[in-house]
Amino acid sequence: MTIRKRHAPQLNIEERSKNQFKELISSFGWQTYDINPDLGLDLRIEIVNEGVSTGQSFFVQLKGTQDSKKHLLSREKQYQYTFDSDDLSYLYQQSNPSYIILWDVNLRKGWYVSITDVIKHLNQTKPNWAKQKNVSIHIPVNQQLTPDNLTLIKNEIVEKALPSYLEREPLNLKVSLIFHNNDYGQNQYREFINYLETGKPFKLDKAMIQNIELSDWFIRLMGEKSLDGLQIKLGGSIPISLPPVRIEFSTSGKGAISIDYVELRDIQHGTKQAILSNEHQKIPYKFKFTFIWPQKEGSFNITIDLTGADAVEAAKAHDLMCLLAEGGELRIYNLMTNDVQTLAYQPNPSLRPKAHVKEFVNCLAKIQRLTGVFIQIPQNASFTNFDLENAKNILALIENGYYQTHTDKAVFFLPKDDVIILATSYVSGEYYELESIVDNVSRKILLTNIPLGKIKQVIKGRCDIPTKELNEWIASAAETDKLKVEFYDVDVTEESVKYAEPYDD
């Protein structure tokens, strides 16, 4: 290993910076230990709470200077320091947290940055930094080694260590409470009883805590003074997953609707009440059940969100809303034990969807089932009368192979052969009938194209096109061109070729 040589003045600055830094750490009640030989780490700092070691420590790489302003990037409010890339990698590999400190020996002040923050920043801004011999790092000006910031360092380190302690030993908490005989104290008491009975979270005022005892290891790690700012929030525990259920709604004489797989979680639990919900589950139906044990009663709320749902799911949701509007029974079937919980629900006519909306969604659902084409329902199920008529015509064509409609005006794009037929006996204003077969027809419903295959189309209506213009178009048009023609008082008949009579070209 090649030992790097330092000039005497720099050695003097480093020694002074180390002594001054040790003095600061000692005044804070922590212990410092030299690391020899210096292979990229200068000191190990042991965190101590009121004379008792926490068992936690961190490493320091100290960089001394006589003038910190030479390193200051005033615009960015950061200090810049050039570092050996291998030294940074070595610091980052340590199991203990590591910090880089820039120390001004004339000001007797220092600024710190964690090696984790340094590497994170370099990976984002200079992904290939490790291949360079040297790299610049940045230390924020506001991260001066003050008592407050040393406390932040301590809290960050011990809080990261806390989960490993909890894995080895439980945290025991013994609290004695006193609820004062005044309005505020009695209100706290009522909220506390409500928490016990329902599990509803609430924050306990520190004034109600008469005495508190915590596990010795927690006090050693966090310190006695940590109890001064202790806050106790009761409730708000992690939701507990329950066995999956099937939920069925039924109304006498109106049928039943089933949501086959619902993942309920116990989100709030007390001695008298529990609340279950599947709000986390990605399905259109969100349930919230409230069960009251002593009365053996229960109630529920359901929210239906059809955003992104297809037509079949939307039709099912509308049928469910009709059952809810009528009133009936809800049954919860446990899919693992087959146990059943029954709840009655009262009629709520306001939940019934409007007739034309239900007709439209049912029509789309039938088309989706027959064609296999996914039809997405727009937000708020918004549609026009034209959308409804178009959907009904398409459904008739798919179900029956035939539909006929009448309209005051319609625009058609006629192929050249049909235009020639029209022109042979054309008299302006008279009724004409055109019959054609069109391959690979598709019709759009909302934003979805529905393929209909080969269609025989019959158009009967009046049109008004100057004869000269008609003949000029025929003379100049290519065989694949189409002419836009407006018909009035129009009857349109469309027939699927698989249902139609053989068509003779």
Protein backbone atom coordinates (compact mmCIF):
# COMPACT_ATOMS: atom_id res chain seq x y z
CA MET A 1 0.00 0.00 0.00
CA THR A 2 1.30 3.45 -0.94
CA ILE A 3 1.18 5.82 2.03
CA ARG A 4 0.22 9.34 0.99
CA LYS A 5 2.62 12.00 2.27
CA ARG A 6 1.35 15.33 3.56
CA HIS A 7 3.26 18.58 3.93
CA ALA A 8 3.98 19.76 7.49
CA PRO A 9 1.62 22.80 7.33
CA GLN A 10 -1.27 20.61 6.23
CA LEU A 11 -0.47 18.07 8.95
CA ASN A 12 -0.57 20.89 11.45
CA ILE A 13 -3.99 22.06 10.19
CA GLU A 14 -5.38 18.52 10.35
CA GLU A 15 -4.09 18.03 13.87
CA ARG A 16 -5.57 21.34 15.01
CA SER A 17 -8.91 20.57 13.35
CA LYS A 18 -9.02 17.17 15.02
CA ASN A 19 -8.32 18.62 18.45
CA GLN A 20 -10.92 21.37 18.05
CA PHE A 21 -13.51 18.88 16.78
CA LYS A 22 -12.82 16.55 19.72
CA GLU A 23 -13.31 19.49 22.08
CA LEU A 24 -16.75 20.19 20.54
CA ILE A 25 -17.79 16.53 20.77
CA SER A 26 -16.57 16.27 24.37
CA SER A 27 -18.58 19.35 25.34
CA PHE A 28 -21.65 17.60 23.95
CA GLY A 29 -21.01 14.58 26.22
CA TRP A 30 -19.99 12.14 23.46
CA GLN A 31 -16.80 10.10 23.21
CA THR A 32 -14.21 10.26 20.39
CA TYR A 33 -11.77 7.50 19.40
CA ASP A 34 -8.86 7.86 16.98
CA ILE A 35 -8.69 5.36 14.12
CA ASN A 36 -5.16 4.19 13.32
CA PRO A 37 -3.90 3.77 10.74
CA ASP A 38 -5.82 6.46 8.86
CA LEU A 39 -7.13 4.62 5.78
CA GLY A 40 -9.89 7.09 5.01
CA LEU A 41 -11.43 7.40 8.47
CA ASP A 42 -10.18 9.71 11.19
CA LEU A 43 -12.46 9.21 14.19
CA ARG A 44 -15.21 7.06 15.63
CA ILE A 45 -17.81 8.97 17.64
CA GLU A 46 -19.78 7.13 20.32
CA ILE A 47 -23.21 8.61 21.03
CA VAL A 48 -23.86 9.00 24.76
CA ASN A 49 -27.07 9.98 26.55
CA GLU A 50 -26.46 11.58 29.94
CA GLY A 51 -23.36 9.51 30.56
CA VAL A 52 -24.89 6.26 29.30
CA SER A 53 -23.70 4.85 25.99
CA THR A 54 -26.44 4.23 23.44
CA GLY A 55 -24.38 1.50 21.77
CA GLN A 56 -24.48 3.56 18.56
CA SER A 57 -21.54 5.27 16.90
CA PHE A 58 -20.54 6.85 13.62
CA PHE A 59 -17.35 7.49 11.64
CA VAL A 60 -15.90 10.85 10.66
CA GLN A 61 -13.57 11.88 7.86
CA LEU A 62 -12.27 15.33 8.87
CA LYS A 63 -10.95 17.88 6.35
CA GLY A 64 -9.24 20.89 7.90
CA THR A 65 -8.81 24.34 6.36
CA GLN A 66 -7.60 27.76 7.47
CA ASP A 67 -10.18 29.56 5.31
CA SER A 68 -13.52 27.88 4.65
CA LYS A 69 -14.56 30.80 2.40
CA LYS A 70 -12.16 29.49 -0.29
CA HIS A 71 -14.46 26.47 -0.60
CA LEU A 72 -17.73 28.42 -0.53
CA LEU A 73 -20.10 28.41 -3.52
CA SER A 74 -22.08 31.47 -2.45
CA ARG A 75 -24.84 31.11 -5.03
CA GLU A 76 -25.59 27.54 -4.02
CA LYS A 77 -24.98 28.15 -0.30
CA GLN A 78 -22.67 25.12 -0.24
CA TYR A 79 -19.03 24.33 0.41
CA GLN A 80 -17.18 22.43 -2.30
CA TYR A 81 -14.32 20.04 -1.55
CA THR A 82 -12.35 17.76 -3.85
CA PHE A 83 -12.23 14.16 -2.64
CA ASP A 84 -10.50 10.99 -3.70
CA SER A 85 -13.14 8.73 -5.30
CA ASP A 86 -11.69 5.61 -3.66
CA ASP A 87 -11.96 7.27 -0.23
CA LEU A 88 -15.64 8.03 -0.86
CA SER A 89 -16.30 4.42 -1.86
CA TYR A 90 -14.50 3.21 1.27
CA LEU A 91 -16.62 5.49 3.49
CA TYR A 92 -19.80 4.33 1.83
CA GLN A 93 -18.95 0.66 2.46
CA GLN A 94 -18.81 1.08 6.24
CA SER A 95 -21.51 -0.60 8.31
CA ASN A 96 -21.67 2.39 10.64
CA PRO A 97 -23.03 5.74 9.40
CA SER A 98 -20.22 7.97 8.11
CA TYR A 99 -19.90 11.75 7.82
CA ILE A 100 -17.52 14.11 6.04
CA ILE A 101 -16.69 17.24 8.01
CA LEU A 102 -15.06 20.44 6.74
CA TRP A 103 -13.45 22.19 9.73
CA ASP A 104 -12.20 25.79 9.78
CA VAL A 105 -9.41 25.97 12.37
CA ASN A 106 -9.47 29.77 12.52
CA LEU A 107 -13.25 29.97 13.03
CA ARG A 108 -13.25 26.80 15.17
CA LYS A 109 -16.39 25.72 13.28
CA GLY A 110 -17.31 22.76 11.12
CA TRP A 111 -19.92 21.67 8.61
CA TYR A 112 -21.04 18.12 7.91
CA VAL A 113 -22.66 15.94 5.26
CA SER A 114 -23.50 12.24 5.44
CA ILE A 115 -21.75 9.93 3.00
CA THR A 116 -25.18 8.55 2.06
CA ASP A 117 -26.29 12.00 0.85
CA VAL A 118 -23.00 12.51 -0.98
CA ILE A 119 -23.24 9.25 -2.91
CA LYS A 120 -26.94 9.76 -3.68
CA HIS A 121 -26.19 13.21 -5.16
CA LEU A 122 -23.21 11.92 -7.18
CA ASN A 123 -25.20 9.00 -8.58
CA GLN A 124 -27.85 11.43 -9.79
CA THR A 125 -25.54 14.12 -11.20
CA LYS A 126 -22.39 12.16 -12.17
CA PRO A 127 -23.27 8.48 -12.71
CA ASN A 128 -19.65 7.61 -13.67
CA TRP A 129 -18.03 9.39 -10.71
CA ALA A 130 -16.46 6.20 -9.33
CA LYS A 131 -14.30 5.86 -12.49
CA GLN A 132 -12.72 9.28 -11.88
CA LYS A 133 -9.68 9.73 -9.67
CA ASN A 134 -11.11 12.79 -7.88
CA VAL A 135 -14.59 14.20 -7.53
CA SER A 136 -16.09 17.33 -5.98
CA ILE A 137 -18.57 16.97 -3.15
CA HIS A 138 -20.86 19.61 -1.64
CA ILE A 139 -21.59 20.38 2.01
CA PRO A 140 -24.62 22.60 2.78
CA VAL A 141 -23.83 25.81 4.69
CA ASN A 142 -26.83 25.26 6.99
CA GLN A 143 -25.38 21.93 8.21
CA GLN A 144 -23.03 23.49 10.76
CA LEU A 145 -22.00 21.37 13.74
CA THR A 146 -24.19 23.10 16.30
CA PRO A 147 -25.77 21.36 19.32
CA ASP A 148 -29.11 21.29 17.48
CA ASN A 149 -27.60 19.65 14.40
CA LEU A 150 -25.64 17.17 16.49
CA THR A 151 -28.96 16.21 18.06
CA LEU A 152 -30.39 15.73 14.57
CA ILE A 153 -27.48 13.43 13.71
CA LYS A 154 -28.08 11.45 16.90
CA ASN A 155 -31.81 11.14 16.24
CA GLU A 156 -31.24 10.03 12.67
CA ILE A 157 -28.81 7.32 13.74
CA VAL A 158 -30.75 5.92 16.71
CA GLU A 159 -34.07 5.98 14.83
CA LYS A 160 -32.53 3.92 12.01
CA ALA A 161 -31.24 1.49 14.64
CA LEU A 162 -34.60 1.23 16.43
CA PRO A 163 -36.16 -1.50 14.19
CA SER A 164 -33.22 -3.86 14.84
CA TYR A 165 -33.69 -3.39 18.61
CA LEU A 166 -37.41 -4.11 18.32
CA GLU A 167 -36.64 -7.36 16.50
CA ARG A 168 -34.58 -8.54 19.49
CA GLU A 169 -36.69 -7.24 22.35
CA PRO A 170 -40.24 -5.85 22.68
CA LEU A 171 -40.87 -2.30 23.78
CA ASN A 172 -42.78 -2.33 27.05
CA LEU A 173 -44.80 0.77 27.84
CA LYS A 174 -46.50 1.33 31.19
CA VAL A 175 -48.51 4.54 31.50
CA SER A 176 -50.45 5.88 34.49
CA LEU A 177 -53.16 8.37 33.50
CA ILE A 178 -55.06 10.98 35.44
CA PHE A 179 -58.03 12.83 33.95
CA HIS A 180 -58.52 16.13 35.73
CA ASN A 181 -61.96 17.11 36.98
CA ASN A 182 -62.45 19.97 34.55
CA ASP A 183 -64.06 20.30 31.11
CA TYR A 184 -60.88 19.56 29.20
CA GLY A 185 -59.85 16.64 31.39
CA GLN A 186 -63.30 15.07 31.22
CA ASN A 187 -63.38 15.55 27.43
CA GLN A 188 -60.05 13.69 27.23
CA TYR A 189 -61.56 10.94 29.39
CA ARG A 190 -64.56 10.58 27.07
CA GLU A 191 -62.27 10.41 24.03
CA PHE A 192 -60.15 7.78 25.78
CA ILE A 193 -63.22 5.62 26.57
CA ASN A 194 -64.41 6.09 22.99
CA TYR A 195 -60.99 4.87 21.80
CA LEU A 196 -61.26 1.75 23.96
CA GLU A 197 -64.76 0.99 22.69
CA THR A 198 -64.43 1.92 19.01
CA GLY A 199 -60.71 2.11 18.29
CA LYS A 200 -61.11 5.68 16.99
CA PRO A 201 -57.65 7.32 17.17
CA PHE A 202 -57.02 10.30 19.40
CA LYS A 203 -54.02 12.20 20.77
CA LEU A 204 -53.54 11.98 24.52
CA ASP A 205 -52.52 15.30 26.09
CA LYS A 206 -49.25 15.03 28.03
CA ALA A 207 -50.97 16.69 31.00
CA MET A 208 -53.03 13.51 31.45
CA ILE A 209 -49.91 11.35 31.85
CA GLN A 210 -49.14 10.92 35.55
CA ASN A 211 -46.25 8.51 35.11
CA ILE A 212 -44.65 6.61 32.25
CA GLU A 213 -42.22 3.69 32.24
CA LEU A 214 -40.42 2.37 29.16
CA SER A 215 -38.06 -0.52 28.57
CA ASP A 216 -34.49 0.13 29.80
CA TRP A 217 -33.03 -0.45 26.33
CA PHE A 218 -35.29 2.25 24.86
CA ILE A 219 -34.27 4.80 27.51
CA ARG A 220 -30.61 3.92 26.94
CA LEU A 221 -31.00 4.35 23.19
CA MET A 222 -33.22 7.44 23.11
CA GLY A 223 -32.31 9.10 26.42
CA GLU A 224 -34.41 10.20 29.39
CA LYS A 225 -34.93 13.65 27.92
CA SER A 226 -36.70 12.10 24.93
CA LEU A 227 -39.67 11.52 27.25
CA ASP A 228 -40.08 15.29 27.70
CA GLY A 229 -41.34 15.66 24.16
CA LEU A 230 -43.13 12.31 24.08
CA GLN A 231 -46.54 12.29 22.44
CA ILE A 232 -48.95 9.41 22.72
CA LYS A 233 -51.39 8.85 19.88
CA LEU A 234 -53.79 6.00 20.59
CA GLY A 235 -55.17 4.04 17.66
CA GLY A 236 -54.20 4.24 14.01
CA SER A 237 -52.68 0.75 13.97
CA ILE A 238 -51.79 -1.12 10.78
CA PRO A 239 -54.95 -2.61 9.18
CA ILE A 240 -55.34 -6.36 9.68
CA SER A 241 -56.19 -8.42 6.59
CA LEU A 242 -59.17 -10.74 6.94
CA PRO A 243 -60.19 -13.84 4.96
CA PRO A 244 -61.73 -12.93 1.58
CA VAL A 245 -65.51 -12.74 1.32
CA ARG A 246 -68.28 -12.75 -1.26
CA ILE A 247 -70.90 -10.03 -0.82
CA GLU A 248 -74.41 -10.60 -2.13
CA PHE A 249 -77.26 -8.08 -2.40
CA SER A 250 -80.79 -9.35 -2.86
CA THR A 251 -84.28 -7.89 -3.05
CA SER A 252 -87.38 -10.10 -2.85
CA GLY A 253 -88.78 -10.59 -6.34
CA LYS A 254 -86.02 -8.47 -7.94
CA GLY A 255 -83.09 -10.90 -7.99
CA ALA A 256 -79.59 -10.74 -6.54
CA ILE A 257 -76.19 -9.29 -7.40
CA SER A 258 -72.91 -10.73 -6.11
CA ILE A 259 -69.44 -9.20 -5.72
CA ASP A 260 -67.50 -12.44 -5.77
CA TYR A 261 -64.15 -11.51 -4.18
CA VAL A 262 -63.77 -8.73 -1.62
CA GLU A 263 -60.59 -8.24 0.45
CA LEU A 264 -61.71 -6.70 3.74
CA ARG A 265 -59.34 -5.29 6.33
CA ASP A 266 -59.99 -4.50 9.99
CA ILE A 267 -59.04 -0.80 9.99
CA GLN A 268 -60.39 0.20 13.42
CA HIS A 269 -61.21 -2.05 16.36
CA GLY A 270 -62.45 -1.52 19.91
CA THR A 271 -64.19 -3.51 22.63
CA LYS A 272 -67.65 -2.66 21.27
CA GLN A 273 -67.16 -1.72 17.63
CA ALA A 274 -65.10 -2.66 14.58
CA ILE A 275 -64.80 -1.03 11.15
CA LEU A 276 -63.90 -3.11 8.09
CA SER A 277 -63.04 -1.77 4.67
CA ASN A 278 -61.68 -2.77 1.26
CA GLU A 279 -60.60 0.76 0.27
CA HIS A 280 -57.17 -0.58 -0.72
CA GLN A 281 -58.64 -3.07 -3.23
CA LYS A 282 -58.63 -2.15 -6.92
CA ILE A 283 -62.25 -2.91 -7.77
CA PRO A 284 -65.12 -0.49 -8.56
CA TYR A 285 -66.92 -1.34 -5.28
CA LYS A 286 -65.57 0.17 -2.04
CA PHE A 287 -67.21 -1.07 1.17
CA LYS A 288 -67.06 0.24 4.72
CA PHE A 289 -68.77 -1.91 7.37
CA THR A 290 -69.38 -0.87 10.97
CA PHE A 291 -70.23 -3.71 13.39
CA ILE A 292 -71.45 -3.05 16.95
CA TRP A 293 -70.96 -6.16 19.09
CA PRO A 294 -73.35 -5.65 22.05
CA GLN A 295 -76.36 -4.86 19.86
CA LYS A 296 -75.30 -7.43 17.25
CA GLU A 297 -75.93 -4.73 14.65
CA GLY A 298 -74.11 -3.59 11.58
CA SER A 299 -74.29 -0.96 8.90
CA PHE A 300 -72.43 -0.30 5.68
CA ASN A 301 -71.56 2.27 3.05
CA ILE A 302 -70.75 1.45 -0.54
CA THR A 303 -69.09 3.69 -3.11
CA ILE A 304 -69.13 2.72 -6.77
CA ASP A 305 -66.45 4.23 -9.00
CA LEU A 306 -66.81 3.23 -12.66
CA THR A 307 -63.78 5.19 -13.88
CA GLY A 308 -62.13 2.97 -16.48
CA ALA A 309 -64.78 0.24 -16.08
CA ASP A 310 -66.12 -1.63 -19.09
CA ALA A 311 -69.74 -1.77 -20.17
CA VAL A 312 -70.46 -5.18 -18.61
CA GLU A 313 -69.19 -4.03 -15.19
CA ALA A 314 -71.14 -0.78 -15.52
CA ALA A 315 -74.36 -2.67 -16.29
CA LYS A 316 -73.78 -4.84 -13.23
CA ALA A 317 -73.24 -1.71 -11.11
CA HIS A 318 -76.52 -0.23 -12.38
CA ASP A 319 -78.38 -3.43 -11.52
CA LEU A 320 -76.86 -3.26 -8.03
CA MET A 321 -77.99 0.36 -7.65
CA CYS A 322 -81.53 -0.72 -8.56
CA LEU A 323 -81.46 -3.34 -5.76
CA LEU A 324 -80.16 -0.75 -3.30
CA ALA A 325 -82.96 1.58 -4.35
CA GLU A 326 -85.53 -1.13 -3.54
CA GLY A 327 -84.09 -2.20 -0.16
CA GLY A 328 -83.30 -5.77 0.85
CA GLU A 329 -80.60 -7.91 2.44
CA LEU A 330 -76.83 -7.99 2.22
CA ARG A 331 -75.02 -11.25 2.96
CA ILE A 332 -71.30 -11.57 3.64
CA TYR A 333 -70.01 -15.08 2.86
CA ASN A 334 -66.60 -15.98 4.33
CA LEU A 335 -64.88 -17.84 1.45
CA MET A 336 -62.70 -19.85 3.87
CA THR A 337 -65.21 -20.89 6.55
CA ASN A 338 -68.55 -20.44 4.69
CA ASP A 339 -69.86 -18.40 7.64
CA VAL A 340 -72.58 -15.90 6.72
CA GLN A 341 -73.33 -12.47 8.17
CA THR A 342 -76.64 -10.84 7.15
CA LEU A 343 -77.49 -7.13 7.19
CA ALA A 344 -80.76 -5.49 6.14
CA TYR A 345 -80.75 -2.24 4.16
CA GLN A 346 -83.59 0.22 3.71
CA PRO A 347 -84.94 1.44 0.35
CA ASN A 348 -83.24 4.48 -1.14
CA PRO A 349 -85.00 5.47 -4.39
CA SER A 350 -82.47 8.23 -5.09
CA LEU A 351 -79.90 5.54 -5.98
CA ARG A 352 -81.88 4.31 -8.97
CA PRO A 353 -80.08 5.25 -12.22
CA LYS A 354 -82.03 7.22 -14.83
CA ALA A 355 -83.89 5.03 -17.32
CA HIS A 356 -82.13 6.33 -20.45
CA VAL A 357 -78.70 5.91 -18.83
CA LYS A 358 -79.47 2.33 -17.81
CA GLU A 359 -80.82 1.60 -21.32
CA PHE A 360 -77.63 2.91 -22.93
CA VAL A 361 -75.26 1.03 -20.60
CA ASN A 362 -77.25 -2.22 -20.96
CA CYS A 363 -77.10 -1.84 -24.74
CA LEU A 364 -73.32 -1.40 -24.64
CA ALA A 365 -72.96 -4.38 -22.29
CA LYS A 366 -74.86 -6.61 -24.74
CA ILE A 367 -72.66 -5.44 -27.62
CA GLN A 368 -69.54 -6.14 -25.56
CA ARG A 369 -70.72 -9.64 -24.66
CA LEU A 370 -71.66 -10.48 -28.28
CA THR A 371 -68.53 -9.06 -29.94
CA GLY A 372 -65.92 -9.46 -27.20
CA VAL A 373 -64.84 -5.84 -27.77
CA PHE A 374 -64.04 -3.96 -24.55
CA ILE A 375 -66.19 -0.80 -24.39
CA GLN A 376 -65.03 1.72 -21.81
CA ILE A 377 -67.67 3.88 -20.13
CA PRO A 378 -66.87 7.61 -20.25
CA GLN A 379 -66.59 9.68 -17.09
CA ASN A 380 -70.05 10.33 -15.61
CA ALA A 381 -71.46 8.00 -18.31
CA SER A 382 -72.04 11.06 -20.54
CA PHE A 383 -73.53 10.40 -23.97
CA THR A 384 -75.90 11.94 -26.55
CA ASN A 385 -79.19 10.78 -28.06
CA PHE A 386 -77.26 9.99 -31.25
CA ASP A 387 -74.95 7.69 -29.22
CA LEU A 388 -78.01 5.87 -27.85
CA GLU A 389 -79.66 5.44 -31.27
CA ASN A 390 -76.38 4.37 -32.83
CA ALA A 391 -75.85 1.76 -30.10
CA LYS A 392 -79.40 0.42 -30.52
CA ASN A 393 -78.94 0.11 -34.31
CA ILE A 394 -75.61 -1.68 -33.93
CA LEU A 395 -77.09 -4.06 -31.36
CA ALA A 396 -80.04 -4.83 -33.67
CA LEU A 397 -77.61 -5.56 -36.52
CA ILE A 398 -75.54 -7.89 -34.31
CA GLU A 399 -78.49 -9.64 -32.63
CA ASN A 400 -80.96 -9.83 -35.52
CA GLY A 401 -78.79 -9.19 -38.57
CA TYR A 402 -81.01 -6.27 -39.59
CA TYR A 403 -82.14 -2.78 -38.68
CA GLN A 404 -84.02 0.07 -40.31
CA THR A 405 -84.05 3.73 -39.35
CA HIS A 406 -85.42 7.00 -40.65
CA THR A 407 -83.85 10.44 -40.44
CA ASP A 408 -84.57 13.87 -41.90
CA LYS A 409 -81.08 14.28 -43.32
CA ALA A 410 -78.05 12.07 -43.68
CA VAL A 411 -74.66 12.33 -45.37
CA PHE A 412 -73.27 9.37 -47.32
CA PHE A 413 -69.97 8.87 -49.09
CA LEU A 414 -70.91 6.91 -52.23
CA PRO A 415 -68.38 4.87 -54.19
CA LYS A 416 -68.03 5.68 -57.90
CA ASP A 417 -70.15 2.69 -59.05
CA ASP A 418 -73.10 3.87 -56.92
CA VAL A 419 -72.73 7.42 -58.20
CA ILE A 420 -72.89 6.13 -61.81
CA ILE A 421 -76.08 4.22 -60.99
CA LEU A 422 -77.54 7.32 -59.39
CA ALA A 423 -76.66 9.45 -62.42
CA THR A 424 -78.27 7.14 -65.02
CA SER A 425 -81.83 8.08 -64.01
CA TYR A 426 -81.21 11.11 -61.82
CA VAL A 427 -83.90 13.76 -61.49
CA SER A 428 -83.28 16.44 -58.85
CA GLY A 429 -85.59 16.17 -55.85
CA GLU A 430 -86.98 12.68 -56.59
CA TYR A 431 -86.59 9.65 -54.33
CA TYR A 432 -83.82 7.26 -55.19
CA GLU A 433 -82.86 3.91 -53.79
CA LEU A 434 -79.27 2.71 -53.72
CA GLU A 435 -78.25 -0.78 -52.70
CA SER A 436 -74.67 -1.85 -52.05
CA ILE A 437 -72.55 -4.29 -50.15
CA VAL A 438 -69.70 -2.91 -48.05
CA ASP A 439 -66.88 -5.11 -46.75
CA ASN A 440 -65.25 -4.77 -43.29
CA VAL A 441 -67.75 -2.31 -41.91
CA SER A 442 -67.08 -0.91 -38.44
CA ARG A 443 -69.09 1.60 -36.43
CA LYS A 444 -67.86 3.76 -33.58
CA ILE A 445 -69.61 3.81 -30.19
CA LEU A 446 -68.18 6.60 -28.07
CA LEU A 447 -64.44 6.00 -28.63
CA THR A 448 -64.65 2.31 -29.54
CA ASN A 449 -64.85 0.81 -33.03
CA ILE A 450 -67.20 -2.18 -33.32
CA PRO A 451 -66.42 -4.49 -36.30
CA LEU A 452 -69.58 -5.59 -38.14
CA GLY A 453 -68.19 -7.47 -41.15
CA LYS A 454 -69.88 -7.38 -44.58
CA ILE A 455 -73.05 -5.29 -44.69
CA LYS A 456 -75.78 -4.92 -47.32
CA GLN A 457 -76.94 -1.31 -47.22
CA VAL A 458 -80.09 0.14 -48.78
CA ILE A 459 -80.52 3.93 -48.85
CA LYS A 460 -83.77 5.53 -49.95
CA GLY A 461 -84.21 9.28 -49.99
CA ARG A 462 -84.17 12.52 -51.95
CA CYS A 463 -81.02 14.34 -53.02
CA ASP A 464 -80.35 17.54 -54.92
CA ILE A 465 -77.12 17.60 -56.96
CA PRO A 466 -76.69 19.65 -60.16
CA THR A 467 -76.51 17.19 -63.08
CA LYS A 468 -73.48 18.93 -64.57
CA GLU A 469 -71.57 18.68 -61.29
CA LEU A 470 -72.50 14.99 -60.97
CA ASN A 471 -71.26 14.15 -64.48
CA GLU A 472 -68.05 16.16 -64.04
CA TRP A 473 -67.26 14.26 -60.87
CA ILE A 474 -67.83 10.89 -62.60
CA ALA A 475 -65.56 11.93 -65.47
CA SER A 476 -62.68 13.00 -63.24
CA ALA A 477 -62.96 10.64 -60.25
CA ALA A 478 -60.72 7.62 -59.77
CA GLU A 479 -62.29 4.21 -59.21
CA THR A 480 -61.54 4.38 -55.48
CA ASP A 481 -62.92 7.92 -54.97
CA LYS A 482 -66.14 8.57 -53.05
CA LEU A 483 -68.63 11.40 -53.45
CA LYS A 484 -70.17 13.16 -50.47
CA VAL A 485 -73.95 13.21 -51.00
CA GLU A 486 -76.64 14.67 -48.73
CA PHE A 487 -79.97 12.79 -48.72
CA TYR A 488 -83.23 14.12 -47.25
CA ASP A 489 -86.17 12.25 -45.77
CA VAL A 490 -84.00 9.16 -45.62
CA ASP A 491 -84.77 5.51 -44.88
CA VAL A 492 -81.68 3.43 -44.17
CA THR A 493 -81.75 -0.33 -43.99
CA GLU A 494 -78.67 -2.33 -43.12
CA GLU A 495 -78.44 -6.09 -43.15
CA SER A 496 -75.63 -8.44 -42.25
CA VAL A 497 -74.74 -10.44 -45.35
CA LYS A 498 -74.81 -13.69 -43.39
CA TYR A 499 -78.57 -13.07 -42.87
CA ALA A 500 -79.26 -11.52 -46.28
CA GLU A 501 -80.34 -13.12 -49.53
CA PRO A 502 -77.46 -13.94 -51.89
CA TYR A 503 -76.25 -10.76 -53.51
CA ASP A 504 -75.74 -10.83 -57.28
CA ASP A 505 -73.05 -8.46 -58.53
